[in-house]
């Protein structure tokens, strides 16, 4: 048991170090641009921060756990916004969005996305979600199918069993002190409306991360919008479960003997959960090909 705990702590340390690399990359990007507009949208009793870049068909970006818009999407937004109206959202308690005692659930976060769309008068949009944002994007597709055009899921799942056992066990081992003096804390202090809520935010996320969830195979199979799944070959997702997910979305067929599925699956070699988001040109290539 002691060795197992050490392994979980090592995993968390590696995750935070990798996040530090991603943070540094996002801060050093020479292409960084300012949003054309930004602000707060009222959503289910809280205020959700958003940034808008560029013009064109709406594209909504949903970040991963603990991240901000810049940390997660800083490398991609300059390119995506050349042809699209990019709407990046910071979810409950993250970044500029204030901490709230409201219970953190995928359903509430997905509903917040729809409320932001209402506020910005966006009827429908393509949605891209990474990690936790990907799970929220799956829930959005189920709850608000008429508001969705195309869906992109990056290194994420619609059920906790979609992660490898080591990941779900690591979630349960998280403690507030693991995040002390991390780039996550540095960013929070820089942009949060009230940095004194850091401990509350971390405890809320630590409680949320290991909670079992399953949106249902039947609900995933009913998603009518085309879906692109992007995963790293060693990103912590159970690839057997991922193949089942793709099958539910109409994939995994012999396309030489029938029509090509409208959904797509991309496995990027030699990539972890965090390093996958550093492959800017690769991710951008998949997004452009699928969304166009």
C-alpha atoms as a PDB file:
ATOM      1  CA  UNK A   1       0.000   0.000   0.000  1.00  0.00           C
ATOM      2  CA  UNK A   2       2.870   2.368   0.842  1.00  0.00           C
ATOM      3  CA  UNK A   3       4.469   1.759  -2.575  1.00  0.00           C
ATOM      4  CA  UNK A   4       1.098   2.314  -4.239  1.00  0.00           C
ATOM      5  CA  UNK A   5       0.687   5.666  -2.503  1.00  0.00           C
ATOM      6  CA  UNK A   6       4.177   6.665  -3.616  1.00  0.00           C
ATOM      7  CA  UNK A   7       3.242   5.779  -7.186  1.00  0.00           C
ATOM      8  CA  UNK A   8       0.129   7.954  -7.018  1.00  0.00           C
ATOM      9  CA  UNK A   9       2.104  10.873  -5.595  1.00  0.00           C
ATOM     10  CA  UNK A  10       4.687  10.389  -8.350  1.00  0.00           C
ATOM     11  CA  UNK A  11       1.934  10.493 -10.960  1.00  0.00           C
ATOM     12  CA  UNK A  12       0.610  13.745  -9.504  1.00  0.00           C
ATOM     13  CA  UNK A  13       4.101  15.245  -9.452  1.00  0.00           C
ATOM     14  CA  UNK A  14       4.654  14.279 -13.090  1.00  0.00           C
ATOM     15  CA  UNK A  15       1.280  15.772 -14.025  1.00  0.00           C
ATOM     16  CA  UNK A  16       2.148  19.059 -12.331  1.00  0.00           C
ATOM     17  CA  UNK A  17       5.603  19.181 -13.922  1.00  0.00           C
ATOM     18  CA  UNK A  18       4.087  18.545 -17.340  1.00  0.00           C
ATOM     19  CA  UNK A  19       1.511  21.243 -16.656  1.00  0.00           C
ATOM     20  CA  UNK A  20       4.376  23.614 -15.814  1.00  0.00           C
ATOM     21  CA  UNK A  21       5.873  22.897 -19.247  1.00  0.00           C
ATOM     22  CA  UNK A  22       2.527  23.589 -20.904  1.00  0.00           C
ATOM     23  CA  UNK A  23       2.157  26.789 -18.865  1.00  0.00           C
ATOM     24  CA  UNK A  24       5.601  27.975 -19.944  1.00  0.00           C
ATOM     25  CA  UNK A  25       4.855  27.206 -23.588  1.00  0.00           C
ATOM     26  CA  UNK A  26       1.569  29.106 -23.477  1.00  0.00           C
ATOM     27  CA  UNK A  27       3.211  32.129 -21.872  1.00  0.00           C
ATOM     28  CA  UNK A  28       6.073  32.236 -24.387  1.00  0.00           C
ATOM     29  CA  UNK A  29       3.949  31.993 -27.502  1.00  0.00           C
ATOM     30  CA  UNK A  30       4.808  34.991 -29.682  1.00  0.00           C
ATOM     31  CA  UNK A  31       1.477  34.751 -31.510  1.00  0.00           C
ATOM     32  CA  UNK A  32      -0.651  35.565 -28.486  1.00  0.00           C
ATOM     33  CA  UNK A  33      -3.503  37.885 -29.369  1.00  0.00           C
ATOM     34  CA  UNK A  34      -6.054  39.830 -27.391  1.00  0.00           C
ATOM     35  CA  UNK A  35      -9.738  38.891 -27.496  1.00  0.00           C
ATOM     36  CA  UNK A  36     -12.051  41.041 -29.587  1.00  0.00           C
ATOM     37  CA  UNK A  37     -14.401  40.982 -26.612  1.00  0.00           C
ATOM     38  CA  UNK A  38     -14.652  39.396 -23.174  1.00  0.00           C
ATOM     39  CA  UNK A  39     -16.901  39.485 -20.152  1.00  0.00           C
ATOM     40  CA  UNK A  40     -19.205  37.548 -17.886  1.00  0.00           C
ATOM     41  CA  UNK A  41     -22.396  35.718 -18.807  1.00  0.00           C
ATOM     42  CA  UNK A  42     -25.052  34.916 -16.187  1.00  0.00           C
ATOM     43  CA  UNK A  43     -25.441  31.146 -15.981  1.00  0.00           C
ATOM     44  CA  UNK A  44     -27.484  29.151 -13.480  1.00  0.00           C
ATOM     45  CA  UNK A  45     -26.735  31.386 -10.525  1.00  0.00           C
ATOM     46  CA  UNK A  46     -23.070  32.055 -11.306  1.00  0.00           C
ATOM     47  CA  UNK A  47     -21.096  34.316 -13.658  1.00  0.00           C
ATOM     48  CA  UNK A  48     -19.082  32.572 -16.375  1.00  0.00           C
ATOM     49  CA  UNK A  49     -16.111  34.334 -17.954  1.00  0.00           C
ATOM     50  CA  UNK A  50     -15.678  34.149 -21.724  1.00  0.00           C
ATOM     51  CA  UNK A  51     -13.364  35.511 -24.405  1.00  0.00           C
ATOM     52  CA  UNK A  52     -14.227  35.939 -28.080  1.00  0.00           C
ATOM     53  CA  UNK A  53     -11.671  35.948 -30.905  1.00  0.00           C
ATOM     54  CA  UNK A  54     -12.083  36.393 -34.644  1.00  0.00           C
ATOM     55  CA  UNK A  55     -15.125  36.121 -36.889  1.00  0.00           C
ATOM     56  CA  UNK A  56     -16.950  33.304 -38.651  1.00  0.00           C
ATOM     57  CA  UNK A  57     -18.816  30.204 -37.573  1.00  0.00           C
ATOM     58  CA  UNK A  58     -18.810  29.861 -33.756  1.00  0.00           C
ATOM     59  CA  UNK A  59     -16.321  27.461 -32.172  1.00  0.00           C
ATOM     60  CA  UNK A  60     -16.518  26.943 -28.398  1.00  0.00           C
ATOM     61  CA  UNK A  61     -13.446  25.819 -26.427  1.00  0.00           C
ATOM     62  CA  UNK A  62     -13.743  24.053 -23.042  1.00  0.00           C
ATOM     63  CA  UNK A  63     -10.542  23.717 -21.007  1.00  0.00           C
ATOM     64  CA  UNK A  64      -9.263  20.940 -18.774  1.00  0.00           C
ATOM     65  CA  UNK A  65      -9.360  20.760 -14.971  1.00  0.00           C
ATOM     66  CA  UNK A  66      -7.507  23.578 -13.152  1.00  0.00           C
ATOM     67  CA  UNK A  67      -6.609  25.268 -16.444  1.00  0.00           C
ATOM     68  CA  UNK A  68      -7.376  28.702 -17.845  1.00  0.00           C
ATOM     69  CA  UNK A  69      -8.090  29.717 -21.432  1.00  0.00           C
ATOM     70  CA  UNK A  70      -4.481  30.739 -21.965  1.00  0.00           C
ATOM     71  CA  UNK A  71      -2.934  27.629 -20.449  1.00  0.00           C
ATOM     72  CA  UNK A  72      -5.083  25.260 -22.481  1.00  0.00           C
ATOM     73  CA  UNK A  73      -5.690  27.092 -25.758  1.00  0.00           C
ATOM     74  CA  UNK A  74      -3.052  29.822 -25.992  1.00  0.00           C
ATOM     75  CA  UNK A  75      -1.204  28.102 -28.842  1.00  0.00           C
ATOM     76  CA  UNK A  76      -4.324  27.259 -30.856  1.00  0.00           C
ATOM     77  CA  UNK A  77      -6.512  30.361 -30.611  1.00  0.00           C
ATOM     78  CA  UNK A  78      -4.342  32.569 -32.883  1.00  0.00           C
ATOM     79  CA  UNK A  79      -4.691  30.040 -35.694  1.00  0.00           C
ATOM     80  CA  UNK A  80      -8.302  29.008 -35.125  1.00  0.00           C
ATOM     81  CA  UNK A  81      -9.499  32.605 -34.924  1.00  0.00           C
ATOM     82  CA  UNK A  82      -8.205  33.364 -38.429  1.00  0.00           C
ATOM     83  CA  UNK A  83     -11.274  31.671 -39.886  1.00  0.00           C
ATOM     84  CA  UNK A  84     -13.630  31.154 -36.933  1.00  0.00           C
ATOM     85  CA  UNK A  85     -15.392  33.041 -34.173  1.00  0.00           C
ATOM     86  CA  UNK A  86     -13.682  31.384 -31.225  1.00  0.00           C
ATOM     87  CA  UNK A  87     -15.523  31.506 -27.898  1.00  0.00           C
ATOM     88  CA  UNK A  88     -13.357  30.303 -25.027  1.00  0.00           C
ATOM     89  CA  UNK A  89     -15.013  29.705 -21.656  1.00  0.00           C
ATOM     90  CA  UNK A  90     -13.572  29.401 -18.148  1.00  0.00           C
ATOM     91  CA  UNK A  91     -15.740  27.060 -16.120  1.00  0.00           C
ATOM     92  CA  UNK A  92     -16.950  27.411 -12.540  1.00  0.00           C
ATOM     93  CA  UNK A  93     -14.144  28.523 -10.215  1.00  0.00           C
ATOM     94  CA  UNK A  94     -11.512  28.445 -12.968  1.00  0.00           C
ATOM     95  CA  UNK A  95      -9.483  31.446 -14.078  1.00  0.00           C
ATOM     96  CA  UNK A  96     -11.545  34.634 -14.147  1.00  0.00           C
ATOM     97  CA  UNK A  97     -14.803  32.845 -13.291  1.00  0.00           C
ATOM     98  CA  UNK A  98     -15.525  33.336  -9.570  1.00  0.00           C
ATOM     99  CA  UNK A  99     -15.558  30.470  -7.119  1.00  0.00           C
ATOM    100  CA  UNK A 100     -19.071  29.276  -6.232  1.00  0.00           C
ATOM    101  CA  UNK A 101     -20.411  26.951  -3.551  1.00  0.00           C
ATOM    102  CA  UNK A 102     -22.757  25.536  -6.188  1.00  0.00           C
ATOM    103  CA  UNK A 103     -22.228  21.781  -6.446  1.00  0.00           C
ATOM    104  CA  UNK A 104     -19.851  20.988  -9.257  1.00  0.00           C
ATOM    105  CA  UNK A 105     -21.463  18.607 -11.766  1.00  0.00           C
ATOM    106  CA  UNK A 106     -21.026  17.870 -15.447  1.00  0.00           C
ATOM    107  CA  UNK A 107     -24.701  18.636 -16.009  1.00  0.00           C
ATOM    108  CA  UNK A 108     -24.418  22.101 -14.444  1.00  0.00           C
ATOM    109  CA  UNK A 109     -21.231  22.927 -16.346  1.00  0.00           C
ATOM    110  CA  UNK A 110     -22.789  21.804 -19.634  1.00  0.00           C
ATOM    111  CA  UNK A 111     -25.843  23.927 -18.914  1.00  0.00           C
ATOM    112  CA  UNK A 112     -23.537  26.891 -18.252  1.00  0.00           C
ATOM    113  CA  UNK A 113     -22.176  26.509 -21.794  1.00  0.00           C
ATOM    114  CA  UNK A 114     -25.678  26.820 -23.212  1.00  0.00           C
ATOM    115  CA  UNK A 115     -26.331  29.898 -21.066  1.00  0.00           C
ATOM    116  CA  UNK A 116     -23.181  31.555 -22.416  1.00  0.00           C
ATOM    117  CA  UNK A 117     -24.418  30.800 -25.930  1.00  0.00           C
ATOM    118  CA  UNK A 118     -27.759  32.382 -25.075  1.00  0.00           C
ATOM    119  CA  UNK A 119     -26.027  35.476 -23.715  1.00  0.00           C
ATOM    120  CA  UNK A 120     -23.869  35.832 -26.832  1.00  0.00           C
ATOM    121  CA  UNK A 121     -26.852  35.068 -29.104  1.00  0.00           C
ATOM    122  CA  UNK A 122     -25.218  31.969 -30.605  1.00  0.00           C
ATOM    123  CA  UNK A 123     -27.813  29.509 -31.900  1.00  0.00           C
ATOM    124  CA  UNK A 124     -25.423  26.605 -32.514  1.00  0.00           C
ATOM    125  CA  UNK A 125     -21.707  25.965 -32.536  1.00  0.00           C
ATOM    126  CA  UNK A 126     -18.919  23.460 -32.930  1.00  0.00           C
ATOM    127  CA  UNK A 127     -17.595  22.467 -29.489  1.00  0.00           C
ATOM    128  CA  UNK A 128     -14.074  21.346 -28.578  1.00  0.00           C
ATOM    129  CA  UNK A 129     -13.347  20.006 -25.097  1.00  0.00           C
ATOM    130  CA  UNK A 130     -10.105  18.795 -23.542  1.00  0.00           C
ATOM    131  CA  UNK A 131      -9.933  16.429 -20.538  1.00  0.00           C
ATOM    132  CA  UNK A 132     -12.549  17.627 -18.021  1.00  0.00           C
ATOM    133  CA  UNK A 133     -13.788  19.990 -20.727  1.00  0.00           C
ATOM    134  CA  UNK A 134     -14.244  16.975 -22.984  1.00  0.00           C
ATOM    135  CA  UNK A 135     -16.494  15.288 -20.444  1.00  0.00           C
ATOM    136  CA  UNK A 136     -18.511  18.503 -20.181  1.00  0.00           C
ATOM    137  CA  UNK A 137     -18.680  18.611 -23.991  1.00  0.00           C
ATOM    138  CA  UNK A 138     -20.101  15.063 -24.069  1.00  0.00           C
ATOM    139  CA  UNK A 139     -22.741  16.125 -21.539  1.00  0.00           C
ATOM    140  CA  UNK A 140     -23.528  19.225 -23.604  1.00  0.00           C
ATOM    141  CA  UNK A 141     -24.054  17.041 -26.670  1.00  0.00           C
ATOM    142  CA  UNK A 142     -26.562  14.947 -24.725  1.00  0.00           C
ATOM    143  CA  UNK A 143     -28.377  17.837 -23.010  1.00  0.00           C
ATOM    144  CA  UNK A 144     -28.401  20.362 -25.859  1.00  0.00           C
ATOM    145  CA  UNK A 145     -28.227  18.431 -29.150  1.00  0.00           C
ATOM    146  CA  UNK A 146     -29.908  21.186 -31.188  1.00  0.00           C
ATOM    147  CA  UNK A 147     -27.201  23.679 -30.172  1.00  0.00           C
ATOM    148  CA  UNK A 148     -24.370  21.443 -31.424  1.00  0.00           C
ATOM    149  CA  UNK A 149     -22.950  21.239 -34.947  1.00  0.00           C
ATOM    150  CA  UNK A 150     -19.776  19.191 -34.546  1.00  0.00           C
ATOM    151  CA  UNK A 151     -18.060  17.837 -31.443  1.00  0.00           C
ATOM    152  CA  UNK A 152     -14.339  17.367 -30.784  1.00  0.00           C
ATOM    153  CA  UNK A 153     -13.208  15.408 -27.728  1.00  0.00           C
ATOM    154  CA  UNK A 154      -9.520  15.582 -26.810  1.00  0.00           C
ATOM    155  CA  UNK A 155      -8.158  13.054 -24.304  1.00  0.00           C
ATOM    156  CA  UNK A 156     -11.418  12.591 -22.433  1.00  0.00           C
ATOM    157  CA  UNK A 157     -14.257  10.201 -21.671  1.00  0.00           C
ATOM    158  CA  UNK A 158     -17.960  10.187 -20.819  1.00  0.00           C
ATOM    159  CA  UNK A 159     -17.533   7.761 -17.914  1.00  0.00           C
ATOM    160  CA  UNK A 160     -14.939   7.385 -15.187  1.00  0.00           C
ATOM    161  CA  UNK A 161     -14.249   3.778 -16.241  1.00  0.00           C
ATOM    162  CA  UNK A 162     -12.919   5.209 -19.502  1.00  0.00           C
ATOM    163  CA  UNK A 163      -9.737   6.094 -17.605  1.00  0.00           C
ATOM    164  CA  UNK A 164      -7.137   3.487 -16.717  1.00  0.00           C
ATOM    165  CA  UNK A 165      -7.376   2.305 -13.076  1.00  0.00           C
ATOM    166  CA  UNK A 166      -4.137   4.114 -12.241  1.00  0.00           C
ATOM    167  CA  UNK A 167      -5.717   7.441 -13.160  1.00  0.00           C
ATOM    168  CA  UNK A 168      -8.903   6.959 -11.150  1.00  0.00           C
ATOM    169  CA  UNK A 169      -6.813   5.851  -8.173  1.00  0.00           C
ATOM    170  CA  UNK A 170      -4.591   8.914  -8.527  1.00  0.00           C
ATOM    171  CA  UNK A 171      -7.626  11.200  -8.442  1.00  0.00           C
ATOM    172  CA  UNK A 172      -8.487   9.773  -5.032  1.00  0.00           C
ATOM    173  CA  UNK A 173      -4.985  10.480  -3.722  1.00  0.00           C
ATOM    174  CA  UNK A 174      -4.985  14.208  -4.497  1.00  0.00           C
ATOM    175  CA  UNK A 175      -4.440  16.559  -1.565  1.00  0.00           C
ATOM    176  CA  UNK A 176      -4.409  20.391  -1.476  1.00  0.00           C
ATOM    177  CA  UNK A 177      -0.687  20.503  -0.704  1.00  0.00           C
ATOM    178  CA  UNK A 178       0.094  18.751  -4.009  1.00  0.00           C
ATOM    179  CA  UNK A 179      -0.903  21.950  -5.794  1.00  0.00           C
ATOM    180  CA  UNK A 180       0.992  24.399  -3.601  1.00  0.00           C
ATOM    181  CA  UNK A 181       3.594  26.467  -5.464  1.00  0.00           C
ATOM    182  CA  UNK A 182       2.452  24.991  -8.784  1.00  0.00           C
ATOM    183  CA  UNK A 183       1.922  26.953 -12.047  1.00  0.00           C
ATOM    184  CA  UNK A 184      -1.780  26.314 -11.484  1.00  0.00           C
ATOM    185  CA  UNK A 185      -1.616  28.362  -8.266  1.00  0.00           C
ATOM    186  CA  UNK A 186       0.445  31.062  -9.972  1.00  0.00           C
ATOM    187  CA  UNK A 187      -2.109  31.472 -12.734  1.00  0.00           C
ATOM    188  CA  UNK A 188      -5.017  31.417 -10.281  1.00  0.00           C
ATOM    189  CA  UNK A 189      -3.458  34.208  -8.244  1.00  0.00           C
ATOM    190  CA  UNK A 190      -2.909  36.250 -11.404  1.00  0.00           C
ATOM    191  CA  UNK A 191      -6.467  36.183 -12.771  1.00  0.00           C
ATOM    192  CA  UNK A 192      -8.957  34.965 -10.148  1.00  0.00           C
ATOM    193  CA  UNK A 193     -11.445  37.629  -8.946  1.00  0.00           C
ATOM    194  CA  UNK A 194     -10.643  36.617  -5.367  1.00  0.00           C
ATOM    195  CA  UNK A 195      -7.439  34.615  -4.914  1.00  0.00           C
ATOM    196  CA  UNK A 196      -8.423  33.957  -1.284  1.00  0.00           C
ATOM    197  CA  UNK A 197     -10.797  31.288  -2.628  1.00  0.00           C
ATOM    198  CA  UNK A 198      -7.928  29.078  -3.838  1.00  0.00           C
ATOM    199  CA  UNK A 199      -8.241  26.532  -1.026  1.00  0.00           C
ATOM    200  CA  UNK A 200     -12.020  26.288  -1.464  1.00  0.00           C
ATOM    201  CA  UNK A 201     -11.587  25.847  -5.206  1.00  0.00           C
ATOM    202  CA  UNK A 202      -8.947  23.136  -4.845  1.00  0.00           C
ATOM    203  CA  UNK A 203     -11.000  21.237  -2.263  1.00  0.00           C
ATOM    204  CA  UNK A 204     -14.053  21.449  -4.521  1.00  0.00           C
ATOM    205  CA  UNK A 205     -12.078  20.055  -7.464  1.00  0.00           C
ATOM    206  CA  UNK A 206     -10.471  17.332  -5.353  1.00  0.00           C
ATOM    207  CA  UNK A 207     -13.946  16.228  -4.278  1.00  0.00           C
ATOM    208  CA  UNK A 208     -15.253  16.377  -7.860  1.00  0.00           C
ATOM    209  CA  UNK A 209     -12.434  14.521  -9.649  1.00  0.00           C
ATOM    210  CA  UNK A 210     -12.942  11.017  -8.168  1.00  0.00           C
ATOM    211  CA  UNK A 211     -16.761  11.064  -8.258  1.00  0.00           C
ATOM    212  CA  UNK A 212     -18.053   8.198 -10.438  1.00  0.00           C
ATOM    213  CA  UNK A 213     -19.894   9.320 -13.557  1.00  0.00           C
ATOM    214  CA  UNK A 214     -21.383   7.608 -16.595  1.00  0.00           C
ATOM    215  CA  UNK A 215     -23.508   9.445 -19.152  1.00  0.00           C
ATOM    216  CA  UNK A 216     -24.718   6.157 -20.632  1.00  0.00           C
ATOM    217  CA  UNK A 217     -23.737   4.224 -23.756  1.00  0.00           C
ATOM    218  CA  UNK A 218     -27.236   4.724 -25.130  1.00  0.00           C
ATOM    219  CA  UNK A 219     -26.976   8.511 -24.851  1.00  0.00           C
ATOM    220  CA  UNK A 220     -23.600   8.538 -26.602  1.00  0.00           C
ATOM    221  CA  UNK A 221     -25.001   6.404 -29.411  1.00  0.00           C
ATOM    222  CA  UNK A 222     -27.796   8.948 -29.882  1.00  0.00           C
ATOM    223  CA  UNK A 223     -25.401  11.842 -30.566  1.00  0.00           C
ATOM    224  CA  UNK A 224     -26.296  12.832 -34.118  1.00  0.00           C
ATOM    225  CA  UNK A 225     -23.544  15.415 -34.606  1.00  0.00           C
ATOM    226  CA  UNK A 226     -20.261  14.249 -36.150  1.00  0.00           C
ATOM    227  CA  UNK A 227     -17.650  13.593 -33.457  1.00  0.00           C
ATOM    228  CA  UNK A 228     -13.862  13.692 -33.679  1.00  0.00           C
ATOM    229  CA  UNK A 229     -12.026  11.917 -30.865  1.00  0.00           C
ATOM    230  CA  UNK A 230      -8.340  12.774 -30.429  1.00  0.00           C
ATOM    231  CA  UNK A 231      -6.269  10.829 -27.901  1.00  0.00           C
ATOM    232  CA  UNK A 232      -2.631  10.259 -27.074  1.00  0.00           C
ATOM    233  CA  UNK A 233      -1.565   6.627 -27.238  1.00  0.00           C
ATOM    234  CA  UNK A 234      -0.428   6.808 -23.604  1.00  0.00           C
ATOM    235  CA  UNK A 235      -2.695   9.541 -22.230  1.00  0.00           C
ATOM    236  CA  UNK A 236      -4.332   7.507 -19.461  1.00  0.00           C
ATOM    237  CA  UNK A 237      -7.472   6.591 -21.401  1.00  0.00           C
ATOM    238  CA  UNK A 238      -8.435   2.919 -21.611  1.00  0.00           C
ATOM    239  CA  UNK A 239      -8.077   2.335 -25.363  1.00  0.00           C
ATOM    240  CA  UNK A 240     -10.408  -0.665 -25.277  1.00  0.00           C
ATOM    241  CA  UNK A 241     -13.137   1.585 -23.877  1.00  0.00           C
ATOM    242  CA  UNK A 242     -12.183   4.288 -26.364  1.00  0.00           C
ATOM    243  CA  UNK A 243     -12.679   1.854 -29.242  1.00  0.00           C
ATOM    244  CA  UNK A 244     -16.099   0.996 -27.823  1.00  0.00           C
ATOM    245  CA  UNK A 245     -16.946   4.704 -27.686  1.00  0.00           C
ATOM    246  CA  UNK A 246     -15.973   5.125 -31.324  1.00  0.00           C
ATOM    247  CA  UNK A 247     -18.142   2.138 -32.197  1.00  0.00           C
ATOM    248  CA  UNK A 248     -21.119   3.752 -30.442  1.00  0.00           C
ATOM    249  CA  UNK A 249     -20.579   6.838 -32.599  1.00  0.00           C
ATOM    250  CA  UNK A 250     -20.763   4.771 -35.785  1.00  0.00           C
ATOM    251  CA  UNK A 251     -17.070   4.128 -36.265  1.00  0.00           C
ATOM    252  CA  UNK A 252     -15.055   0.952 -36.452  1.00  0.00           C
ATOM    253  CA  UNK A 253     -16.585  -0.224 -39.732  1.00  0.00           C
ATOM    254  CA  UNK A 254     -15.069  -1.586 -42.956  1.00  0.00           C
ATOM    255  CA  UNK A 255     -15.318   1.603 -44.989  1.00  0.00           C
ATOM    256  CA  UNK A 256     -14.122  -0.150 -48.158  1.00  0.00           C
ATOM    257  CA  UNK A 257     -17.414  -2.048 -48.097  1.00  0.00           C
ATOM    258  CA  UNK A 258     -19.691   0.827 -47.127  1.00  0.00           C
ATOM    259  CA  UNK A 259     -19.839   4.561 -46.440  1.00  0.00           C
ATOM    260  CA  UNK A 260     -17.176   6.226 -44.314  1.00  0.00           C
ATOM    261  CA  UNK A 261     -18.495   7.110 -40.811  1.00  0.00           C
ATOM    262  CA  UNK A 262     -19.210  10.779 -40.149  1.00  0.00           C
ATOM    263  CA  UNK A 263     -17.248  10.532 -36.875  1.00  0.00           C
ATOM    264  CA  UNK A 264     -13.486  10.120 -36.665  1.00  0.00           C
ATOM    265  CA  UNK A 265     -10.852   8.725 -34.296  1.00  0.00           C
ATOM    266  CA  UNK A 266      -7.241   9.933 -34.132  1.00  0.00           C
ATOM    267  CA  UNK A 267      -4.621   8.297 -31.888  1.00  0.00           C
ATOM    268  CA  UNK A 268      -1.487  10.436 -31.720  1.00  0.00           C
ATOM    269  CA  UNK A 269       1.651   8.349 -31.082  1.00  0.00           C
ATOM    270  CA  UNK A 270       4.088   8.845 -28.208  1.00  0.00           C
ATOM    271  CA  UNK A 271       1.867  11.325 -26.335  1.00  0.00           C
ATOM    272  CA  UNK A 272       0.717  11.613 -22.737  1.00  0.00           C
ATOM    273  CA  UNK A 273      -2.373  13.404 -21.450  1.00  0.00           C
ATOM    274  CA  UNK A 274      -0.608  16.749 -21.073  1.00  0.00           C
ATOM    275  CA  UNK A 275       1.948  16.508 -23.895  1.00  0.00           C
ATOM    276  CA  UNK A 276      -0.864  15.874 -26.397  1.00  0.00           C
ATOM    277  CA  UNK A 277      -2.005  19.492 -26.024  1.00  0.00           C
ATOM    278  CA  UNK A 278       1.520  20.666 -26.867  1.00  0.00           C
ATOM    279  CA  UNK A 279       1.270  19.167 -30.361  1.00  0.00           C
ATOM    280  CA  UNK A 280      -0.180  22.373 -31.782  1.00  0.00           C
ATOM    281  CA  UNK A 281       0.294  21.646 -35.490  1.00  0.00           C
ATOM    282  CA  UNK A 282      -1.041  18.096 -35.133  1.00  0.00           C
ATOM    283  CA  UNK A 283      -4.138  19.142 -33.190  1.00  0.00           C
ATOM    284  CA  UNK A 284      -4.726  22.076 -35.529  1.00  0.00           C
ATOM    285  CA  UNK A 285      -4.484  19.810 -38.550  1.00  0.00           C
ATOM    286  CA  UNK A 286      -7.102  17.439 -37.190  1.00  0.00           C
ATOM    287  CA  UNK A 287      -9.409  20.295 -36.168  1.00  0.00           C
ATOM    288  CA  UNK A 288      -9.205  22.064 -39.509  1.00  0.00           C
ATOM    289  CA  UNK A 289      -9.740  18.878 -41.475  1.00  0.00           C
ATOM    290  CA  UNK A 290     -12.740  17.803 -39.402  1.00  0.00           C
ATOM    291  CA  UNK A 291     -14.458  21.134 -38.820  1.00  0.00           C
ATOM    292  CA  UNK A 292     -14.210  22.278 -42.438  1.00  0.00           C
END
